[in-house]
Amino acid sequence: MSLNKDRIINIISNNNKDSKKTRELLVKKLDNNGFIVPKNYNDNGELNICIGGDGAFLRAVHKYNFPKIPFVGINTGHLGFFQEILPENLDEFINNYKNKKYFVEEIFLIEANVCTKDHCIKLTGVNEFAIKGIDSKVVHLEIFINDNHLEKFSGDGIIISTPVGSTAYNFSSGGSIVYPSLKTLQITPLSPISSKAYRSLPNSTIVPGDMTIKIKPEYLYQNSILIVNDGVQHTYENIVEIYFTISKMTIFRLVFNKDMYWSNLKSKFL
């Protein structure tokens, strides 16, 4: 039987017991409603359903290279800020989806260009990049906004987060919460040190989305920098500069309640 691309739904699940059980049940329910769930990821799908927690969502987005197919999440994890649907509400979810009772939310991504003495490497993230010291060493950084020098930072590191990432590592580190539709980046310090040599801002800074954040490690520390992209660590030799901008790419997420963001804030954090 040939696949009808308009009815293909990808299910991406982690391997915990609850996720596997939810996946099996969901496949049966989707099949009964005329949808096709392929064994392997299909680029012609109309929807990506991610089962797990926020980590599962982030891994899925990276694994399938930031696809244009919208995502929706079923929460079998802990926090589940990206994961809107509860396993006990599968029938309601399918009914709402079939009747187009949802909104499509665009998610801004962050791009990092890591430039060494030899070349530049492009990385893309959903939540944030963290610049830290290898083996928990103190890092010493020069930070610029559109080539305007902002500060000489010394401390555990800094986080550059997107609006959707503002409620993740950024929030737990004292950063501000930013509504997802605002096109901004945020710089949040991690244990900044203030001295005569280094004067670091103690709080987060919101940067307009059309500006570039540039970070230069001091010469002596070019090989002591750890770059963490949505929880995945990267190291490069002889880093000279790192440029952060809002990516031209975006991803999409289905939302079934316009007030869900505020409900999530209250239920997850208060």
Protein backbone atom coordinates (compact mmCIF):
# COMPACT_ATOMS: atom_id res chain seq x y z
CA MET A 1 0.00 0.00 0.00
CA SER A 2 1.40 3.43 -0.91
CA LEU A 3 1.73 5.99 1.83
CA ASN A 4 -0.44 9.07 1.71
CA LYS A 5 1.89 11.81 2.89
CA ASP A 6 -1.02 13.86 4.25
CA ARG A 7 -1.79 11.15 6.79
CA ILE A 8 1.71 10.17 7.95
CA ILE A 9 2.56 10.89 11.59
CA ASN A 10 6.02 10.23 13.03
CA ILE A 11 6.24 9.05 16.63
CA ILE A 12 9.57 9.66 18.35
CA SER A 13 9.87 8.08 21.78
CA ASN A 14 12.50 7.55 24.44
CA ASN A 15 12.99 4.09 25.91
CA ASN A 16 11.50 4.36 29.37
CA LYS A 17 8.65 2.04 30.31
CA ASP A 18 5.89 4.66 30.36
CA SER A 19 6.95 6.07 26.99
CA LYS A 20 6.94 2.64 25.32
CA LYS A 21 3.52 1.86 26.75
CA THR A 22 2.15 5.23 25.59
CA ARG A 23 3.64 4.74 22.12
CA GLU A 24 1.98 1.35 21.66
CA LEU A 25 -1.39 2.73 22.68
CA LEU A 26 -0.99 5.83 20.52
CA VAL A 27 -0.08 3.82 17.41
CA LYS A 28 -3.31 1.80 17.76
CA LYS A 29 -5.43 4.91 18.27
CA LEU A 30 -3.88 6.73 15.30
CA ASP A 31 -4.34 3.67 13.10
CA ASN A 32 -8.01 3.49 14.10
CA ASN A 33 -8.37 7.13 13.06
CA GLY A 34 -6.90 6.69 9.58
CA PHE A 35 -3.32 7.83 10.21
CA ILE A 36 -0.18 5.96 9.22
CA VAL A 37 2.73 5.62 11.66
CA PRO A 38 5.91 4.57 9.81
CA LYS A 39 8.51 2.31 11.44
CA ASN A 40 11.24 4.80 10.58
CA TYR A 41 11.14 8.60 10.48
CA ASN A 42 9.45 9.84 7.32
CA ASP A 43 10.30 13.28 5.90
CA ASN A 44 6.85 13.44 4.29
CA GLY A 45 5.04 13.29 7.62
CA GLU A 46 2.56 15.97 8.63
CA LEU A 47 3.30 15.81 12.37
CA ASN A 48 6.06 14.71 14.75
CA ILE A 49 4.82 13.38 18.09
CA CYS A 50 7.57 13.25 20.69
CA ILE A 51 6.98 11.04 23.76
CA GLY A 52 9.08 11.65 26.85
CA GLY A 53 10.31 14.76 28.64
CA ASP A 54 11.96 17.95 27.46
CA GLY A 55 15.25 16.12 26.90
CA ALA A 56 13.54 13.74 24.50
CA PHE A 57 12.08 16.68 22.61
CA LEU A 58 15.46 18.40 22.25
CA ARG A 59 17.19 15.20 21.14
CA ALA A 60 14.50 14.59 18.52
CA VAL A 61 14.82 18.10 17.08
CA HIS A 62 18.60 17.77 16.79
CA LYS A 63 18.52 14.18 15.50
CA TYR A 64 16.21 15.05 12.61
CA ASN A 65 18.02 18.31 11.84
CA PHE A 66 15.40 20.88 12.85
CA PRO A 67 12.63 19.71 10.49
CA LYS A 68 9.80 21.91 9.26
CA ILE A 69 7.28 19.24 10.29
CA PRO A 70 5.53 20.56 13.43
CA PHE A 71 6.15 18.89 16.78
CA VAL A 72 3.79 18.08 19.61
CA GLY A 73 4.83 16.45 22.86
CA ILE A 74 3.34 13.81 25.15
CA ASN A 75 4.80 14.15 28.62
CA THR A 76 6.03 10.99 30.31
CA GLY A 77 8.97 12.78 31.92
CA HIS A 78 9.34 15.19 34.82
CA LEU A 79 9.16 18.87 33.88
CA GLY A 80 7.80 18.54 30.35
CA PHE A 81 7.65 22.23 29.44
CA PHE A 82 7.68 21.36 25.73
CA GLN A 83 5.39 18.37 26.26
CA GLU A 84 1.81 19.62 26.43
CA ILE A 85 -0.24 16.39 26.28
CA LEU A 86 -0.70 13.93 29.13
CA PRO A 87 -0.87 10.19 28.28
CA GLU A 88 -4.42 9.93 29.67
CA ASN A 89 -5.62 12.55 27.15
CA LEU A 90 -4.69 10.79 23.89
CA ASP A 91 -8.27 10.57 22.62
CA GLU A 92 -8.86 14.27 23.24
CA PHE A 93 -5.60 15.12 21.50
CA ILE A 94 -6.44 13.05 18.39
CA ASN A 95 -9.93 14.50 18.21
CA ASN A 96 -8.64 18.07 18.48
CA TYR A 97 -5.98 17.39 15.88
CA LYS A 98 -8.43 15.86 13.40
CA ASN A 99 -10.71 18.88 13.82
CA LYS A 100 -7.81 21.36 13.54
CA LYS A 101 -8.44 22.74 17.02
CA TYR A 102 -4.86 23.86 17.54
CA PHE A 103 -2.44 26.70 16.89
CA VAL A 104 0.98 26.47 15.24
CA GLU A 105 3.70 28.23 17.23
CA GLU A 106 6.99 29.22 15.62
CA ILE A 107 10.07 28.65 17.77
CA PHE A 108 13.14 30.82 17.25
CA LEU A 109 16.50 29.03 17.31
CA ILE A 110 19.98 30.22 18.20
CA GLU A 111 23.03 29.88 15.97
CA ALA A 112 26.65 29.84 17.13
CA ASN A 113 29.63 30.31 14.85
CA VAL A 114 32.67 28.97 16.68
CA CYS A 115 35.79 30.35 15.02
CA THR A 116 39.18 28.80 15.67
CA LYS A 117 42.51 29.84 14.19
CA ASP A 118 41.82 27.55 11.22
CA HIS A 119 38.08 27.59 10.49
CA CYS A 120 34.55 28.27 11.78
CA ILE A 121 31.99 25.68 12.90
CA LYS A 122 28.26 26.41 12.85
CA LEU A 123 26.04 25.00 15.60
CA THR A 124 22.29 25.44 16.10
CA GLY A 125 20.39 25.19 19.38
CA VAL A 126 16.83 25.30 20.66
CA ASN A 127 17.22 26.28 24.31
CA GLU A 128 20.68 27.64 24.88
CA PHE A 129 24.42 27.56 24.58
CA ALA A 130 26.54 27.58 27.71
CA ILE A 131 30.18 28.67 27.61
CA LYS A 132 32.05 27.10 30.52
CA GLY A 133 35.51 26.04 31.56
CA ILE A 134 36.77 22.52 30.97
CA ASP A 135 37.01 20.57 34.26
CA SER A 136 35.00 23.32 36.00
CA LYS A 137 37.81 25.86 35.64
CA VAL A 138 37.08 29.58 35.85
CA VAL A 139 36.65 31.15 32.39
CA HIS A 140 37.79 34.61 31.35
CA LEU A 141 35.80 36.12 28.48
CA GLU A 142 35.40 39.40 26.63
CA ILE A 143 31.76 39.99 25.66
CA PHE A 144 30.64 42.29 22.85
CA ILE A 145 27.22 43.33 21.51
CA ASN A 146 27.42 44.35 17.83
CA ASP A 147 31.17 44.92 18.37
CA ASN A 148 30.45 47.18 21.36
CA HIS A 149 32.45 45.95 24.33
CA LEU A 150 30.11 45.06 27.19
CA GLU A 151 32.24 43.44 29.87
CA LYS A 152 35.26 41.40 30.87
CA PHE A 153 33.65 38.34 32.39
CA SER A 154 35.27 36.05 34.91
CA GLY A 155 33.39 33.19 36.54
CA ASP A 156 31.95 29.72 35.92
CA GLY A 157 30.60 30.72 32.52
CA ILE A 158 27.69 32.33 30.71
CA ILE A 159 24.47 31.13 29.12
CA ILE A 160 23.12 32.51 25.85
CA SER A 161 19.47 31.48 25.73
CA THR A 162 16.48 31.76 23.41
CA PRO A 163 13.02 32.77 24.64
CA VAL A 164 11.85 29.14 24.82
CA GLY A 165 15.09 28.29 26.59
CA SER A 166 14.59 31.04 29.14
CA THR A 167 12.62 28.65 31.37
CA ALA A 168 15.34 25.97 31.27
CA TYR A 169 19.00 26.22 32.41
CA ASN A 170 18.71 30.00 32.15
CA PHE A 171 15.87 30.21 34.68
CA SER A 172 17.55 27.88 37.16
CA SER A 173 20.64 30.12 36.95
CA GLY A 174 18.73 33.29 37.84
CA GLY A 175 17.90 34.46 34.32
CA SER A 176 14.69 36.15 33.27
CA ILE A 177 11.65 34.43 31.76
CA VAL A 178 10.97 35.66 28.21
CA TYR A 179 7.72 34.98 26.33
CA PRO A 180 8.42 32.63 23.37
CA SER A 181 7.14 34.96 20.63
CA LEU A 182 9.66 37.70 21.53
CA LYS A 183 12.64 37.64 19.19
CA THR A 184 15.49 38.10 21.64
CA LEU A 185 18.59 36.46 23.09
CA GLN A 186 19.58 36.54 26.73
CA ILE A 187 23.02 36.58 28.38
CA THR A 188 23.02 35.10 31.89
CA PRO A 189 26.17 34.92 34.04
CA LEU A 190 27.13 31.81 35.97
CA SER A 191 28.77 32.72 39.31
CA PRO A 192 30.40 35.95 38.07
CA ILE A 193 33.49 37.24 39.84
CA SER A 194 33.95 40.96 40.36
CA SER A 195 37.45 42.30 40.90
CA LYS A 196 39.65 45.18 39.78
CA ALA A 197 40.56 43.16 36.69
CA TYR A 198 37.06 41.89 35.87
CA ARG A 199 33.76 43.70 36.33
CA SER A 200 30.96 41.29 35.43
CA LEU A 201 27.26 42.08 35.34
CA PRO A 202 25.54 40.15 38.14
CA ASN A 203 22.21 39.75 36.30
CA SER A 204 20.96 38.65 32.89
CA THR A 205 20.89 40.96 29.89
CA ILE A 206 18.19 40.85 27.17
CA VAL A 207 19.57 41.48 23.68
CA PRO A 208 17.42 42.36 20.62
CA GLY A 209 17.21 39.58 18.07
CA ASP A 210 18.83 41.57 15.26
CA MET A 211 22.07 42.02 17.21
CA THR A 212 25.14 39.77 17.37
CA ILE A 213 26.72 38.62 20.61
CA LYS A 214 30.46 38.03 20.31
CA ILE A 215 32.55 36.23 22.91
CA LYS A 216 36.34 36.16 22.90
CA PRO A 217 38.20 33.95 25.38
CA GLU A 218 41.41 35.46 26.67
CA TYR A 219 44.45 34.19 24.76
CA LEU A 220 45.70 32.00 27.61
CA TYR A 221 42.34 30.23 27.84
CA GLN A 222 41.61 29.46 24.18
CA ASN A 223 41.85 25.73 24.82
CA SER A 224 40.00 25.72 28.13
CA ILE A 225 36.54 26.46 26.74
CA LEU A 226 33.64 24.01 26.84
CA ILE A 227 30.61 24.73 24.64
CA VAL A 228 27.37 23.08 25.74
CA ASN A 229 24.60 23.08 23.13
CA ASP A 230 21.22 22.01 24.57
CA GLY A 231 23.05 19.79 27.05
CA VAL A 232 25.56 18.30 24.57
CA GLN A 233 29.22 19.17 25.14
CA HIS A 234 31.62 20.31 22.41
CA THR A 235 35.31 21.20 22.63
CA TYR A 236 37.47 22.84 19.97
CA GLU A 237 41.14 23.79 19.95
CA ASN A 238 42.33 27.38 19.63
CA ILE A 239 38.96 29.15 19.84
CA VAL A 240 39.39 32.79 18.85
CA GLU A 241 35.79 34.08 18.76
CA ILE A 242 32.25 32.78 19.10
CA TYR A 243 29.36 34.64 17.44
CA PHE A 244 25.75 34.16 18.55
CA THR A 245 22.73 35.22 16.49
CA ILE A 246 19.12 34.20 16.08
CA SER A 247 19.11 31.50 13.41
CA LYS A 248 17.33 31.92 10.10
CA MET A 249 15.88 28.46 10.72
CA THR A 250 12.84 27.93 12.92
CA ILE A 251 10.86 24.93 14.09
CA PHE A 252 7.14 24.64 14.76
CA ARG A 253 5.09 23.29 17.63
CA LEU A 254 1.39 22.55 17.96
CA VAL A 255 -0.36 24.31 20.84
CA PHE A 256 -3.93 23.43 21.83
CA ASN A 257 -4.49 26.25 24.30
CA LYS A 258 -3.19 29.80 23.83
CA ASP A 259 -3.02 30.18 27.61
CA MET A 260 -0.96 27.00 28.06
CA TYR A 261 2.28 28.96 28.51
CA TRP A 262 0.98 30.73 31.60
CA SER A 263 -0.58 27.55 32.92
CA ASN A 264 2.76 25.80 32.47
CA LEU A 265 4.63 28.54 34.33
CA LYS A 266 2.27 28.26 37.27
CA SER A 267 2.06 24.47 37.39
CA LYS A 268 5.78 23.79 36.79
CA PHE A 269 7.39 26.52 38.88
CA LEU A 270 4.95 27.74 41.53
